[in-house]
Amino acid sequence: MKVLIVDDNEELLEFFLLSLSEVGVQAVGAKSAEEALEHVGKEKFDGIVVDATLGDSDGIGCAQRIRETKSGRGVPLLVMSSFSTPLARRMAKSVGCDDLLVKPFGAAQFIERVKTLK
């Protein structure tokens, strides 16, 4: 399984990448929406995880842009957010996100949710 993780927080991104590699998931990191779109244009992913708040754009907008690409249309997409309101879920769903992972969460919960992105 190959997954793209998009998060502008370098420490968290490294944590996510390391956590996934320890369980045999190949993970690629992107620190911005632009970097994520470059990866999506060049590589095939089995799942994509996007943080809802990115420094260069909002994660929901990033998810929408990924969905608009040919290679990002059918890939399961998960958004990480600290908002668990029905509005946050509707916004994520409206741009094609498959699910919302609410912060805070632990490594085990993160790994389990990523592994179900099929």
PDB file of N, CA and C in Angstrom:
ATOM      1  N   MET A   1       0.852  -1.181   0.000  1.00  0.00           N
ATOM      2  CA  MET A   1       0.000   0.000   0.000  1.00  0.00           C
ATOM      3  C   MET A   1       0.892   1.236   0.000  1.00  0.00           C
ATOM      4  N   LYS A   2       0.541   2.203  -0.849  1.00  0.00           N
ATOM      5  CA  LYS A   2       1.296   3.450  -0.938  1.00  0.00           C
ATOM      6  C   LYS A   2       0.346   4.620  -0.652  1.00  0.00           C
ATOM      7  N   VAL A   3       0.750   5.469   0.309  1.00  0.00           N
ATOM      8  CA  VAL A   3      -0.114   6.550   0.778  1.00  0.00           C
ATOM      9  C   VAL A   3       0.633   7.878   0.735  1.00  0.00           C
ATOM     10  N   LEU A   4      -0.087   8.924   0.359  1.00  0.00           N
ATOM     11  CA  LEU A   4       0.445  10.288   0.406  1.00  0.00           C
ATOM     12  C   LEU A   4      -0.101  10.967   1.655  1.00  0.00           C
ATOM     13  N   ILE A   5       0.794  11.539   2.458  1.00  0.00           N
ATOM     14  CA  ILE A   5       0.406  12.279   3.659  1.00  0.00           C
ATOM     15  C   ILE A   5       0.752  13.744   3.440  1.00  0.00           C
ATOM     16  N   VAL A   6      -0.227  14.628   3.600  1.00  0.00           N
ATOM     17  CA  VAL A   6      -0.025  16.061   3.389  1.00  0.00           C
ATOM     18  C   VAL A   6      -0.228  16.791   4.711  1.00  0.00           C
ATOM     19  N   ASP A   7       0.871  17.360   5.225  1.00  0.00           N
ATOM     20  CA  ASP A   7       0.803  18.105   6.487  1.00  0.00           C
ATOM     21  C   ASP A   7       1.966  19.092   6.510  1.00  0.00           C
ATOM     22  N   ASP A   8       1.705  20.337   6.828  1.00  0.00           N
ATOM     23  CA  ASP A   8       2.763  21.356   6.829  1.00  0.00           C
ATOM     24  C   ASP A   8       3.584  21.352   8.118  1.00  0.00           C
ATOM     25  N   ASN A   9       3.155  20.596   9.120  1.00  0.00           N
ATOM     26  CA  ASN A   9       3.918  20.476  10.358  1.00  0.00           C
ATOM     27  C   ASN A   9       4.950  19.357  10.168  1.00  0.00           C
ATOM     28  N   GLU A  10       6.222  19.743  10.038  1.00  0.00           N
ATOM     29  CA  GLU A  10       7.273  18.779   9.716  1.00  0.00           C
ATOM     30  C   GLU A  10       7.393  17.667  10.748  1.00  0.00           C
ATOM     31  N   GLU A  11       7.281  17.996  12.029  1.00  0.00           N
ATOM     32  CA  GLU A  11       7.401  16.975  13.072  1.00  0.00           C
ATOM     33  C   GLU A  11       6.273  15.957  12.978  1.00  0.00           C
ATOM     34  N   LEU A  12       5.054  16.437  12.787  1.00  0.00           N
ATOM     35  CA  LEU A  12       3.928  15.516  12.650  1.00  0.00           C
ATOM     36  C   LEU A  12       4.048  14.683  11.382  1.00  0.00           C
ATOM     37  N   LEU A  13       4.460  15.312  10.306  1.00  0.00           N
ATOM     38  CA  LEU A  13       4.623  14.594   9.049  1.00  0.00           C
ATOM     39  C   LEU A  13       5.627  13.457   9.209  1.00  0.00           C
ATOM     40  N   GLU A  14       6.755  13.740   9.837  1.00  0.00           N
ATOM     41  CA  GLU A  14       7.764  12.701  10.070  1.00  0.00           C
ATOM     42  C   GLU A  14       7.208  11.594  10.963  1.00  0.00           C
ATOM     43  N   PHE A  15       6.434  11.965  11.969  1.00  0.00           N
ATOM     44  CA  PHE A  15       5.809  10.986  12.851  1.00  0.00           C
ATOM     45  C   PHE A  15       4.871  10.072  12.055  1.00  0.00           C
ATOM     46  N   PHE A  16       4.033  10.669  11.195  1.00  0.00           N
ATOM     47  CA  PHE A  16       3.108   9.879  10.381  1.00  0.00           C
ATOM     48  C   PHE A  16       3.863   8.937   9.452  1.00  0.00           C
ATOM     49  N   LEU A  17       4.890   9.451   8.792  1.00  0.00           N
ATOM     50  CA  LEU A  17       5.666   8.643   7.853  1.00  0.00           C
ATOM     51  C   LEU A  17       6.352   7.477   8.566  1.00  0.00           C
ATOM     52  N   LEU A  18       6.956   7.755   9.708  1.00  0.00           N
ATOM     53  CA  LEU A  18       7.635   6.716  10.474  1.00  0.00           C
ATOM     54  C   LEU A  18       6.644   5.670  10.984  1.00  0.00           C
ATOM     55  N   SER A  19       5.525   6.124  11.523  1.00  0.00           N
ATOM     56  CA  SER A  19       4.502   5.209  12.042  1.00  0.00           C
ATOM     57  C   SER A  19       4.017   4.251  10.965  1.00  0.00           C
ATOM     58  N   LEU A  20       3.793   4.773   9.773  1.00  0.00           N
ATOM     59  CA  LEU A  20       3.314   3.928   8.682  1.00  0.00           C
ATOM     60  C   LEU A  20       4.399   2.981   8.176  1.00  0.00           C
ATOM     61  N   SER A  21       5.633   3.461   8.096  1.00  0.00           N
ATOM     62  CA  SER A  21       6.711   2.601   7.612  1.00  0.00           C
ATOM     63  C   SER A  21       6.937   1.426   8.548  1.00  0.00           C
ATOM     64  N   GLU A  22       6.719   1.627   9.840  1.00  0.00           N
ATOM     65  CA  GLU A  22       6.898   0.559  10.826  1.00  0.00           C
ATOM     66  C   GLU A  22       5.892  -0.576  10.668  1.00  0.00           C
ATOM     67  N   VAL A  23       4.779  -0.316   9.995  1.00  0.00           N
ATOM     68  CA  VAL A  23       3.775  -1.359   9.773  1.00  0.00           C
ATOM     69  C   VAL A  23       3.703  -1.771   8.298  1.00  0.00           C
ATOM     70  N   GLY A  24       4.745  -1.412   7.538  1.00  0.00           N
ATOM     71  CA  GLY A  24       4.847  -1.865   6.159  1.00  0.00           C
ATOM     72  C   GLY A  24       4.082  -1.064   5.128  1.00  0.00           C
ATOM     73  N   VAL A  25       3.620   0.123   5.495  1.00  0.00           N
ATOM     74  CA  VAL A  25       2.925   0.991   4.546  1.00  0.00           C
ATOM     75  C   VAL A  25       3.948   1.954   3.950  1.00  0.00           C
ATOM     76  N   GLN A  26       4.021   1.999   2.623  1.00  0.00           N
ATOM     77  CA  GLN A  26       4.912   2.946   1.963  1.00  0.00           C
ATOM     78  C   GLN A  26       4.228   4.308   1.977  1.00  0.00           C
ATOM     79  N   ALA A  27       4.862   5.284   2.609  1.00  0.00           N
ATOM     80  CA  ALA A  27       4.259   6.607   2.740  1.00  0.00           C
ATOM     81  C   ALA A  27       5.178   7.671   2.164  1.00  0.00           C
ATOM     82  N   VAL A  28       4.570   8.607   1.463  1.00  0.00           N
ATOM     83  CA  VAL A  28       5.267   9.736   0.870  1.00  0.00           C
ATOM     84  C   VAL A  28       4.709  10.989   1.530  1.00  0.00           C
ATOM     85  N   GLY A  29       5.574  11.920   1.888  1.00  0.00           N
ATOM     86  CA  GLY A  29       5.133  13.131   2.560  1.00  0.00           C
ATOM     87  C   GLY A  29       5.154  14.343   1.651  1.00  0.00           C
ATOM     88  N   ALA A  30       4.216  15.240   1.885  1.00  0.00           N
ATOM     89  CA  ALA A  30       4.166  16.532   1.203  1.00  0.00           C
ATOM     90  C   ALA A  30       3.862  17.589   2.254  1.00  0.00           C
ATOM     91  N   LYS A  31       4.585  18.720   2.190  1.00  0.00           N
ATOM     92  CA  LYS A  31       4.422  19.777   3.195  1.00  0.00           C
ATOM     93  C   LYS A  31       3.501  20.901   2.730  1.00  0.00           C
ATOM     94  N   SER A  32       2.995  20.806   1.502  1.00  0.00           N
ATOM     95  CA  SER A  32       2.126  21.862   0.981  1.00  0.00           C
ATOM     96  C   SER A  32       1.164  21.280  -0.049  1.00  0.00           C
ATOM     97  N   ALA A  33       0.139  22.044  -0.370  1.00  0.00           N
ATOM     98  CA  ALA A  33      -0.816  21.627  -1.394  1.00  0.00           C
ATOM     99  C   ALA A  33      -0.116  21.476  -2.740  1.00  0.00           C
ATOM    100  N   GLU A  34       0.767  22.404  -3.051  1.00  0.00           N
ATOM    101  CA  GLU A  34       1.480  22.341  -4.331  1.00  0.00           C
ATOM    102  C   GLU A  34       2.345  21.095  -4.433  1.00  0.00           C
ATOM    103  N   GLU A  35       3.057  20.788  -3.356  1.00  0.00           N
ATOM    104  CA  GLU A  35       3.891  19.588  -3.339  1.00  0.00           C
ATOM    105  C   GLU A  35       3.018  18.335  -3.463  1.00  0.00           C
ATOM    106  N   ALA A  36       1.870  18.338  -2.805  1.00  0.00           N
ATOM    107  CA  ALA A  36       0.943  17.205  -2.894  1.00  0.00           C
ATOM    108  C   ALA A  36       0.472  17.002  -4.329  1.00  0.00           C
ATOM    109  N   LEU A  37       0.113  18.083  -4.984  1.00  0.00           N
ATOM    110  CA  LEU A  37      -0.354  17.984  -6.372  1.00  0.00           C
ATOM    111  C   LEU A  37       0.744  17.487  -7.305  1.00  0.00           C
ATOM    112  N   GLU A  38       1.983  17.871  -7.041  1.00  0.00           N
ATOM    113  CA  GLU A  38       3.105  17.361  -7.840  1.00  0.00           C
ATOM    114  C   GLU A  38       3.213  15.848  -7.683  1.00  0.00           C
ATOM    115  N   HIS A  39       3.130  15.364  -6.450  1.00  0.00           N
ATOM    116  CA  HIS A  39       3.200  13.918  -6.201  1.00  0.00           C
ATOM    117  C   HIS A  39       2.047  13.189  -6.882  1.00  0.00           C
ATOM    118  N   VAL A  40       0.843  13.719  -6.752  1.00  0.00           N
ATOM    119  CA  VAL A  40      -0.338  13.074  -7.340  1.00  0.00           C
ATOM    120  C   VAL A  40      -0.213  13.011  -8.863  1.00  0.00           C
ATOM    121  N   GLY A  41       0.410  14.024  -9.445  1.00  0.00           N
ATOM    122  CA  GLY A  41       0.603  14.034 -10.886  1.00  0.00           C
ATOM    123  C   GLY A  41       1.647  13.047 -11.379  1.00  0.00           C
ATOM    124  N   LYS A  42       2.551  12.631 -10.502  1.00  0.00           N
ATOM    125  CA  LYS A  42       3.664  11.773 -10.916  1.00  0.00           C
ATOM    126  C   LYS A  42       3.581  10.341 -10.401  1.00  0.00           C
ATOM    127  N   GLU A  43       2.862  10.126  -9.294  1.00  0.00           N
ATOM    128  CA  GLU A  43       2.857   8.822  -8.640  1.00  0.00           C
ATOM    129  C   GLU A  43       1.436   8.319  -8.447  1.00  0.00           C
ATOM    130  N   LYS A  44       1.315   6.994  -8.315  1.00  0.00           N
ATOM    131  CA  LYS A  44       0.022   6.374  -8.050  1.00  0.00           C
ATOM    132  C   LYS A  44      -0.056   6.050  -6.558  1.00  0.00           C
ATOM    133  N   PHE A  45      -1.161   6.456  -5.935  1.00  0.00           N
ATOM    134  CA  PHE A  45      -1.357   6.222  -4.505  1.00  0.00           C
ATOM    135  C   PHE A  45      -2.615   5.390  -4.270  1.00  0.00           C
ATOM    136  N   ASP A  46      -2.574   4.603  -3.198  1.00  0.00           N
ATOM    137  CA  ASP A  46      -3.730   3.813  -2.787  1.00  0.00           C
ATOM    138  C   ASP A  46      -4.605   4.585  -1.813  1.00  0.00           C
ATOM    139  N   GLY A  47      -4.087   5.672  -1.264  1.00  0.00           N
ATOM    140  CA  GLY A  47      -4.820   6.519  -0.340  1.00  0.00           C
ATOM    141  C   GLY A  47      -4.089   7.829  -0.137  1.00  0.00           C
ATOM    142  N   ILE A  48      -4.845   8.857   0.229  1.00  0.00           N
ATOM    143  CA  ILE A  48      -4.274  10.185   0.478  1.00  0.00           C
ATOM    144  C   ILE A  48      -4.865  10.707   1.783  1.00  0.00           C
ATOM    145  N   VAL A  49      -3.990  11.260   2.631  1.00  0.00           N
ATOM    146  CA  VAL A  49      -4.414  11.847   3.900  1.00  0.00           C
ATOM    147  C   VAL A  49      -3.971  13.313   3.893  1.00  0.00           C
ATOM    148  N   VAL A  50      -4.912  14.219   4.124  1.00  0.00           N
ATOM    149  CA  VAL A  50      -4.627  15.655   4.070  1.00  0.00           C
ATOM    150  C   VAL A  50      -5.035  16.314   5.382  1.00  0.00           C
ATOM    151  N   ASP A  51      -4.134  17.118   5.942  1.00  0.00           N
ATOM    152  CA  ASP A  51      -4.476  17.911   7.116  1.00  0.00           C
ATOM    153  C   ASP A  51      -5.395  19.047   6.678  1.00  0.00           C
ATOM    154  N   ALA A  52      -6.410  19.332   7.472  1.00  0.00           N
ATOM    155  CA  ALA A  52      -7.389  20.366   7.105  1.00  0.00           C
ATOM    156  C   ALA A  52      -6.807  21.766   7.110  1.00  0.00           C
ATOM    157  N   THR A  53      -5.733  21.985   7.859  1.00  0.00           N
ATOM    158  CA  THR A  53      -5.112  23.309   7.887  1.00  0.00           C
ATOM    159  C   THR A  53      -3.672  23.207   7.399  1.00  0.00           C
ATOM    160  N   LEU A  54      -3.425  23.801   6.268  1.00  0.00           N
ATOM    161  CA  LEU A  54      -2.081  23.846   5.691  1.00  0.00           C
ATOM    162  C   LEU A  54      -1.631  25.289   5.622  1.00  0.00           C
ATOM    163  N   GLY A  55      -0.338  25.517   5.720  1.00  0.00           N
ATOM    164  CA  GLY A  55       0.190  26.876   5.697  1.00  0.00           C
ATOM    165  C   GLY A  55      -0.074  27.626   4.402  1.00  0.00           C
ATOM    166  N   ASP A  56       0.008  26.918   3.267  1.00  0.00           N
ATOM    167  CA  ASP A  56      -0.148  27.594   1.980  1.00  0.00           C
ATOM    168  C   ASP A  56      -1.585  27.598   1.463  1.00  0.00           C
ATOM    169  N   SER A  57      -2.448  26.811   2.061  1.00  0.00           N
ATOM    170  CA  SER A  57      -3.857  26.753   1.661  1.00  0.00           C
ATOM    171  C   SER A  57      -4.613  25.950   2.704  1.00  0.00           C
ATOM    172  N   ASP A  58      -5.913  25.887   2.552  1.00  0.00           N
ATOM    173  CA  ASP A  58      -6.644  25.033   3.482  1.00  0.00           C
ATOM    174  C   ASP A  58      -6.658  23.611   2.921  1.00  0.00           C
ATOM    175  N   GLY A  59      -6.687  22.654   3.814  1.00  0.00           N
ATOM    176  CA  GLY A  59      -6.637  21.259   3.405  1.00  0.00           C
ATOM    177  C   GLY A  59      -7.843  20.818   2.605  1.00  0.00           C
ATOM    178  N   ILE A  60      -8.996  21.393   2.898  1.00  0.00           N
ATOM    179  CA  ILE A  60     -10.202  21.056   2.141  1.00  0.00           C
ATOM    180  C   ILE A  60     -10.022  21.493   0.686  1.00  0.00           C
ATOM    181  N   GLY A  61      -9.455  22.686   0.492  1.00  0.00           N
ATOM    182  CA  GLY A  61      -9.170  23.156  -0.864  1.00  0.00           C
ATOM    183  C   GLY A  61      -8.145  22.268  -1.554  1.00  0.00           C
ATOM    184  N   CYS A  62      -7.154  21.824  -0.811  1.00  0.00           N
ATOM    185  CA  CYS A  62      -6.146  20.913  -1.345  1.00  0.00           C
ATOM    186  C   CYS A  62      -6.805  19.603  -1.773  1.00  0.00           C
ATOM    187  N   ALA A  63      -7.670  19.075  -0.925  1.00  0.00           N
ATOM    188  CA  ALA A  63      -8.383  17.835  -1.248  1.00  0.00           C
ATOM    189  C   ALA A  63      -9.219  18.008  -2.519  1.00  0.00           C
ATOM    190  N   GLN A  64      -9.869  19.148  -2.632  1.00  0.00           N
ATOM    191  CA  GLN A  64     -10.683  19.416  -3.821  1.00  0.00           C
ATOM    192  C   GLN A  64      -9.809  19.465  -5.079  1.00  0.00           C
ATOM    193  N   ARG A  65      -8.667  20.110  -4.978  1.00  0.00           N
ATOM    194  CA  ARG A  65      -7.755  20.190  -6.123  1.00  0.00           C
ATOM    195  C   ARG A  65      -7.225  18.811  -6.501  1.00  0.00           C
ATOM    196  N   ILE A  66      -6.958  17.979  -5.499  1.00  0.00           N
ATOM    197  CA  ILE A  66      -6.516  16.612  -5.778  1.00  0.00           C
ATOM    198  C   ILE A  66      -7.620  15.855  -6.504  1.00  0.00           C
ATOM    199  N   ARG A  67      -8.853  15.984  -6.030  1.00  0.00           N
ATOM    200  CA  ARG A  67      -9.994  15.316  -6.659  1.00  0.00           C
ATOM    201  C   ARG A  67     -10.207  15.760  -8.106  1.00  0.00           C
ATOM    202  N   GLU A  68      -9.829  16.977  -8.425  1.00  0.00           N
ATOM    203  CA  GLU A  68     -10.009  17.499  -9.780  1.00  0.00           C
ATOM    204  C   GLU A  68      -8.980  16.974 -10.766  1.00  0.00           C
ATOM    205  N   THR A  69      -7.908  16.338 -10.262  1.00  0.00           N
ATOM    206  CA  THR A  69      -6.900  15.766 -11.158  1.00  0.00           C
ATOM    207  C   THR A  69      -7.350  14.378 -11.600  1.00  0.00           C
ATOM    208  N   LYS A  70      -6.890  13.981 -12.771  1.00  0.00           N
ATOM    209  CA  LYS A  70      -7.243  12.665 -13.303  1.00  0.00           C
ATOM    210  C   LYS A  70      -6.779  11.551 -12.365  1.00  0.00           C
ATOM    211  N   SER A  71      -5.555  11.652 -11.869  1.00  0.00           N
ATOM    212  CA  SER A  71      -4.997  10.592 -11.024  1.00  0.00           C
ATOM    213  C   SER A  71      -5.511  10.631  -9.583  1.00  0.00           C
ATOM    214  N   GLY A  72      -6.177  11.710  -9.184  1.00  0.00           N
ATOM    215  CA  GLY A  72      -6.678  11.818  -7.817  1.00  0.00           C
ATOM    216  C   GLY A  72      -8.157  11.531  -7.666  1.00  0.00           C
ATOM    217  N   ARG A  73      -8.838  11.265  -8.770  1.00  0.00           N
ATOM    218  CA  ARG A  73     -10.299  11.095  -8.717  1.00  0.00           C
ATOM    219  C   ARG A  73     -10.762   9.885  -7.920  1.00  0.00           C
ATOM    220  N   GLY A  74     -10.177   8.746  -8.148  1.00  0.00           N
ATOM    221  CA  GLY A  74     -10.693   7.539  -7.517  1.00  0.00           C
ATOM    222  C   GLY A  74      -9.950   7.089  -6.279  1.00  0.00           C
ATOM    223  N   VAL A  75      -8.991   7.878  -5.831  1.00  0.00           N
ATOM    224  CA  VAL A  75      -8.172   7.485  -4.691  1.00  0.00           C
ATOM    225  C   VAL A  75      -8.893   7.825  -3.383  1.00  0.00           C
ATOM    226  N   PRO A  76      -8.992   6.874  -2.454  1.00  0.00           N
ATOM    227  CA  PRO A  76      -9.602   7.189  -1.159  1.00  0.00           C
ATOM    228  C   PRO A  76      -8.875   8.350  -0.475  1.00  0.00           C
ATOM    229  N   LEU A  77      -9.644   9.298   0.038  1.00  0.00           N
ATOM    230  CA  LEU A  77      -9.067  10.513   0.598  1.00  0.00           C
ATOM    231  C   LEU A  77      -9.624  10.759   1.996  1.00  0.00           C
ATOM    232  N   LEU A  78      -8.713  10.934   2.944  1.00  0.00           N
ATOM    233  CA  LEU A  78      -9.052  11.153   4.341  1.00  0.00           C
ATOM    234  C   LEU A  78      -8.537  12.525   4.763  1.00  0.00           C
ATOM    235  N   VAL A  79      -9.373  13.308   5.442  1.00  0.00           N
ATOM    236  CA  VAL A  79      -8.960  14.616   5.956  1.00  0.00           C
ATOM    237  C   VAL A  79      -8.826  14.528   7.471  1.00  0.00           C
ATOM    238  N   MET A  80      -7.735  15.087   7.995  1.00  0.00           N
ATOM    239  CA  MET A  80      -7.523  15.177   9.444  1.00  0.00           C
ATOM    240  C   MET A  80      -7.928  16.578   9.884  1.00  0.00           C
ATOM    241  N   SER A  81      -8.785  16.656  10.901  1.00  0.00           N
ATOM    242  CA  SER A  81      -9.267  17.957  11.351  1.00  0.00           C
ATOM    243  C   SER A  81      -9.517  17.946  12.855  1.00  0.00           C
ATOM    244  N   SER A  82      -9.382  19.108  13.468  1.00  0.00           N
ATOM    245  CA  SER A  82      -9.723  19.218  14.882  1.00  0.00           C
ATOM    246  C   SER A  82     -11.204  19.566  15.061  1.00  0.00           C
ATOM    247  N   PHE A  83     -11.923  19.722  13.961  1.00  0.00           N
ATOM    248  CA  PHE A  83     -13.355  20.013  14.018  1.00  0.00           C
ATOM    249  C   PHE A  83     -14.137  18.751  13.703  1.00  0.00           C
ATOM    250  N   SER A  84     -15.078  18.412  14.578  1.00  0.00           N
ATOM    251  CA  SER A  84     -15.882  17.208  14.372  1.00  0.00           C
ATOM    252  C   SER A  84     -17.350  17.546  14.153  1.00  0.00           C
ATOM    253  N   THR A  85     -17.627  18.775  13.814  1.00  0.00           N
ATOM    254  CA  THR A  85     -19.007  19.205  13.645  1.00  0.00           C
ATOM    255  C   THR A  85     -19.609  18.614  12.368  1.00  0.00           C
ATOM    256  N   PRO A  86     -20.928  18.535  12.309  1.00  0.00           N
ATOM    257  CA  PRO A  86     -21.573  18.081  11.075  1.00  0.00           C
ATOM    258  C   PRO A  86     -21.192  18.957   9.873  1.00  0.00           C
ATOM    259  N   LEU A  87     -20.992  20.265  10.109  1.00  0.00           N
ATOM    260  CA  LEU A  87     -20.592  21.155   9.014  1.00  0.00           C
ATOM    261  C   LEU A  87     -19.212  20.771   8.473  1.00  0.00           C
ATOM    262  N   ALA A  88     -18.269  20.475   9.363  1.00  0.00           N
ATOM    263  CA  ALA A  88     -16.930  20.071   8.927  1.00  0.00           C
ATOM    264  C   ALA A  88     -17.003  18.798   8.091  1.00  0.00           C
ATOM    265  N   ARG A  89     -17.825  17.860   8.513  1.00  0.00           N
ATOM    266  CA  ARG A  89     -17.984  16.607   7.761  1.00  0.00           C
ATOM    267  C   ARG A  89     -18.623  16.856   6.396  1.00  0.00           C
ATOM    268  N   ARG A  90     -19.629  17.717   6.359  1.00  0.00           N
ATOM    269  CA  ARG A  90     -20.284  18.041   5.083  1.00  0.00           C
ATOM    270  C   ARG A  90     -19.325  18.733   4.130  1.00  0.00           C
ATOM    271  N   MET A  91     -18.515  19.648   4.678  1.00  0.00           N
ATOM    272  CA  MET A  91     -17.538  20.350   3.824  1.00  0.00           C
ATOM    273  C   MET A  91     -16.559  19.357   3.222  1.00  0.00           C
ATOM    274  N   ALA A  92     -16.060  18.438   4.045  1.00  0.00           N
ATOM    275  CA  ALA A  92     -15.119  17.431   3.556  1.00  0.00           C
ATOM    276  C   ALA A  92     -15.785  16.557   2.495  1.00  0.00           C
ATOM    277  N   LYS A  93     -16.980  16.106   2.757  1.00  0.00           N
ATOM    278  CA  LYS A  93     -17.699  15.253   1.800  1.00  0.00           C
ATOM    279  C   LYS A  93     -18.005  16.003   0.512  1.00  0.00           C
ATOM    280  N   SER A  94     -18.302  17.307   0.616  1.00  0.00           N
ATOM    281  CA  SER A  94     -18.692  18.087  -0.563  1.00  0.00           C
ATOM    282  C   SER A  94     -17.572  18.212  -1.595  1.00  0.00           C
ATOM    283  N   VAL A  95     -16.332  18.064  -1.166  1.00  0.00           N
ATOM    284  CA  VAL A  95     -15.221  18.146  -2.120  1.00  0.00           C
ATOM    285  C   VAL A  95     -14.677  16.763  -2.476  1.00  0.00           C
ATOM    286  N   GLY A  96     -15.363  15.720  -2.025  1.00  0.00           N
ATOM    287  CA  GLY A  96     -14.985  14.372  -2.424  1.00  0.00           C
ATOM    288  C   GLY A  96     -14.166  13.582  -1.426  1.00  0.00           C
ATOM    289  N   CYS A  97     -14.043  14.090  -0.204  1.00  0.00           N
ATOM    290  CA  CYS A  97     -13.312  13.332   0.816  1.00  0.00           C
ATOM    291  C   CYS A  97     -14.168  12.148   1.259  1.00  0.00           C
ATOM    292  N   ASP A  98     -13.507  11.033   1.494  1.00  0.00           N
ATOM    293  CA  ASP A  98     -14.224   9.836   1.903  1.00  0.00           C
ATOM    294  C   ASP A  98     -14.519   9.812   3.395  1.00  0.00           C
ATOM    295  N   ASP A  99     -13.665  10.458   4.183  1.00  0.00           N
ATOM    296  CA  ASP A  99     -13.874  10.432   5.623  1.00  0.00           C
ATOM    297  C   ASP A  99     -13.088  11.537   6.301  1.00  0.00           C
ATOM    298  N   LEU A 100     -13.392  11.746   7.574  1.00  0.00           N
ATOM    299  CA  LEU A 100     -12.754  12.765   8.388  1.00  0.00           C
ATOM    300  C   LEU A 100     -12.209  12.089   9.640  1.00  0.00           C
ATOM    301  N   LEU A 101     -10.928  12.282   9.911  1.00  0.00           N
ATOM    302  CA  LEU A 101     -10.297  11.765  11.122  1.00  0.00           C
ATOM    303  C   LEU A 101     -10.126  12.941  12.074  1.00  0.00           C
ATOM    304  N   VAL A 102     -10.785  12.855  13.222  1.00  0.00           N
ATOM    305  CA  VAL A 102     -10.826  13.980  14.156  1.00  0.00           C
ATOM    306  C   VAL A 102      -9.647  13.919  15.124  1.00  0.00           C
ATOM    307  N   LYS A 103      -8.948  15.060  15.228  1.00  0.00           N
ATOM    308  CA  LYS A 103      -7.836  15.221  16.175  1.00  0.00           C
ATOM    309  C   LYS A 103      -8.397  15.538  17.554  1.00  0.00           C
ATOM    310  N   PRO A 104      -7.717  15.162  18.586  1.00  0.00           N
ATOM    311  CA  PRO A 104      -6.463  14.414  18.621  1.00  0.00           C
ATOM    312  C   PRO A 104      -6.720  12.923  18.438  1.00  0.00           C
ATOM    313  N   PHE A 105      -5.735  12.231  17.914  1.00  0.00           N
ATOM    314  CA  PHE A 105      -5.809  10.787  17.756  1.00  0.00           C
ATOM    315  C   PHE A 105      -4.417  10.220  18.019  1.00  0.00           C
ATOM    316  N   GLY A 106      -4.374   8.950  18.337  1.00  0.00           N
ATOM    317  CA  GLY A 106      -3.108   8.285  18.605  1.00  0.00           C
ATOM    318  C   GLY A 106      -2.564   7.605  17.365  1.00  0.00           C
ATOM    319  N   ALA A 107      -1.342   7.143  17.467  1.00  0.00           N
ATOM    320  CA  ALA A 107      -0.680   6.478  16.336  1.00  0.00           C
ATOM    321  C   ALA A 107      -1.464   5.251  15.877  1.00  0.00           C
ATOM    322  N   ALA A 108      -1.941   4.453  16.824  1.00  0.00           N
ATOM    323  CA  ALA A 108      -2.667   3.234  16.462  1.00  0.00           C
ATOM    324  C   ALA A 108      -3.944   3.557  15.689  1.00  0.00           C
ATOM    325  N   GLN A 109      -4.672   4.574  16.134  1.00  0.00           N
ATOM    326  CA  GLN A 109      -5.902   4.972  15.438  1.00  0.00           C
ATOM    327  C   GLN A 109      -5.572   5.490  14.037  1.00  0.00           C
ATOM    328  N   PHE A 110      -4.517   6.286  13.922  1.00  0.00           N
ATOM    329  CA  PHE A 110      -4.107   6.816  12.630  1.00  0.00           C
ATOM    330  C   PHE A 110      -3.754   5.674  11.669  1.00  0.00           C
ATOM    331  N   ILE A 111      -2.932   4.756  12.131  1.00  0.00           N
ATOM    332  CA  ILE A 111      -2.506   3.633  11.288  1.00  0.00           C
ATOM    333  C   ILE A 111      -3.712   2.807  10.846  1.00  0.00           C
ATOM    334  N   GLU A 112      -4.598   2.521  11.771  1.00  0.00           N
ATOM    335  CA  GLU A 112      -5.784   1.724  11.443  1.00  0.00           C
ATOM    336  C   GLU A 112      -6.642   2.407  10.380  1.00  0.00           C
ATOM    337  N   ARG A 113      -6.856   3.703  10.519  1.00  0.00           N
ATOM    338  CA  ARG A 113      -7.682   4.440   9.537  1.00  0.00           C
ATOM    339  C   ARG A 113      -7.013   4.476   8.176  1.00  0.00           C
ATOM    340  N   VAL A 114      -5.701   4.651   8.146  1.00  0.00           N
ATOM    341  CA  VAL A 114      -4.979   4.672   6.868  1.00  0.00           C
ATOM    342  C   VAL A 114      -5.077   3.303   6.196  1.00  0.00           C
ATOM    343  N   LYS A 115      -4.918   2.245   6.962  1.00  0.00           N
ATOM    344  CA  LYS A 115      -4.973   0.894   6.401  1.00  0.00           C
ATOM    345  C   LYS A 115      -6.345   0.558   5.816  1.00  0.00           C
ATOM    346  N   THR A 116      -7.396   1.240   6.279  1.00  0.00           N
ATOM    347  CA  THR A 116      -8.733   0.972   5.739  1.00  0.00           C
ATOM    348  C   THR A 116      -9.050   1.803   4.490  1.00  0.00           C
ATOM    349  N   LEU A 117      -8.108   2.607   4.039  1.00  0.00           N
ATOM    350  CA  LEU A 117      -8.323   3.435   2.843  1.00  0.00           C
ATOM    351  C   LEU A 117      -8.170   2.595   1.571  1.00  0.00           C
ATOM    352  N   LYS A 118      -9.090   1.739   1.310  1.00  0.00           N
ATOM    353  CA  LYS A 118      -9.016   0.911   0.095  1.00  0.00           C
ATOM    354  C   LYS A 118     -10.314   0.917  -0.629  1.00  0.00           C
TER     355      LYS A 118
END
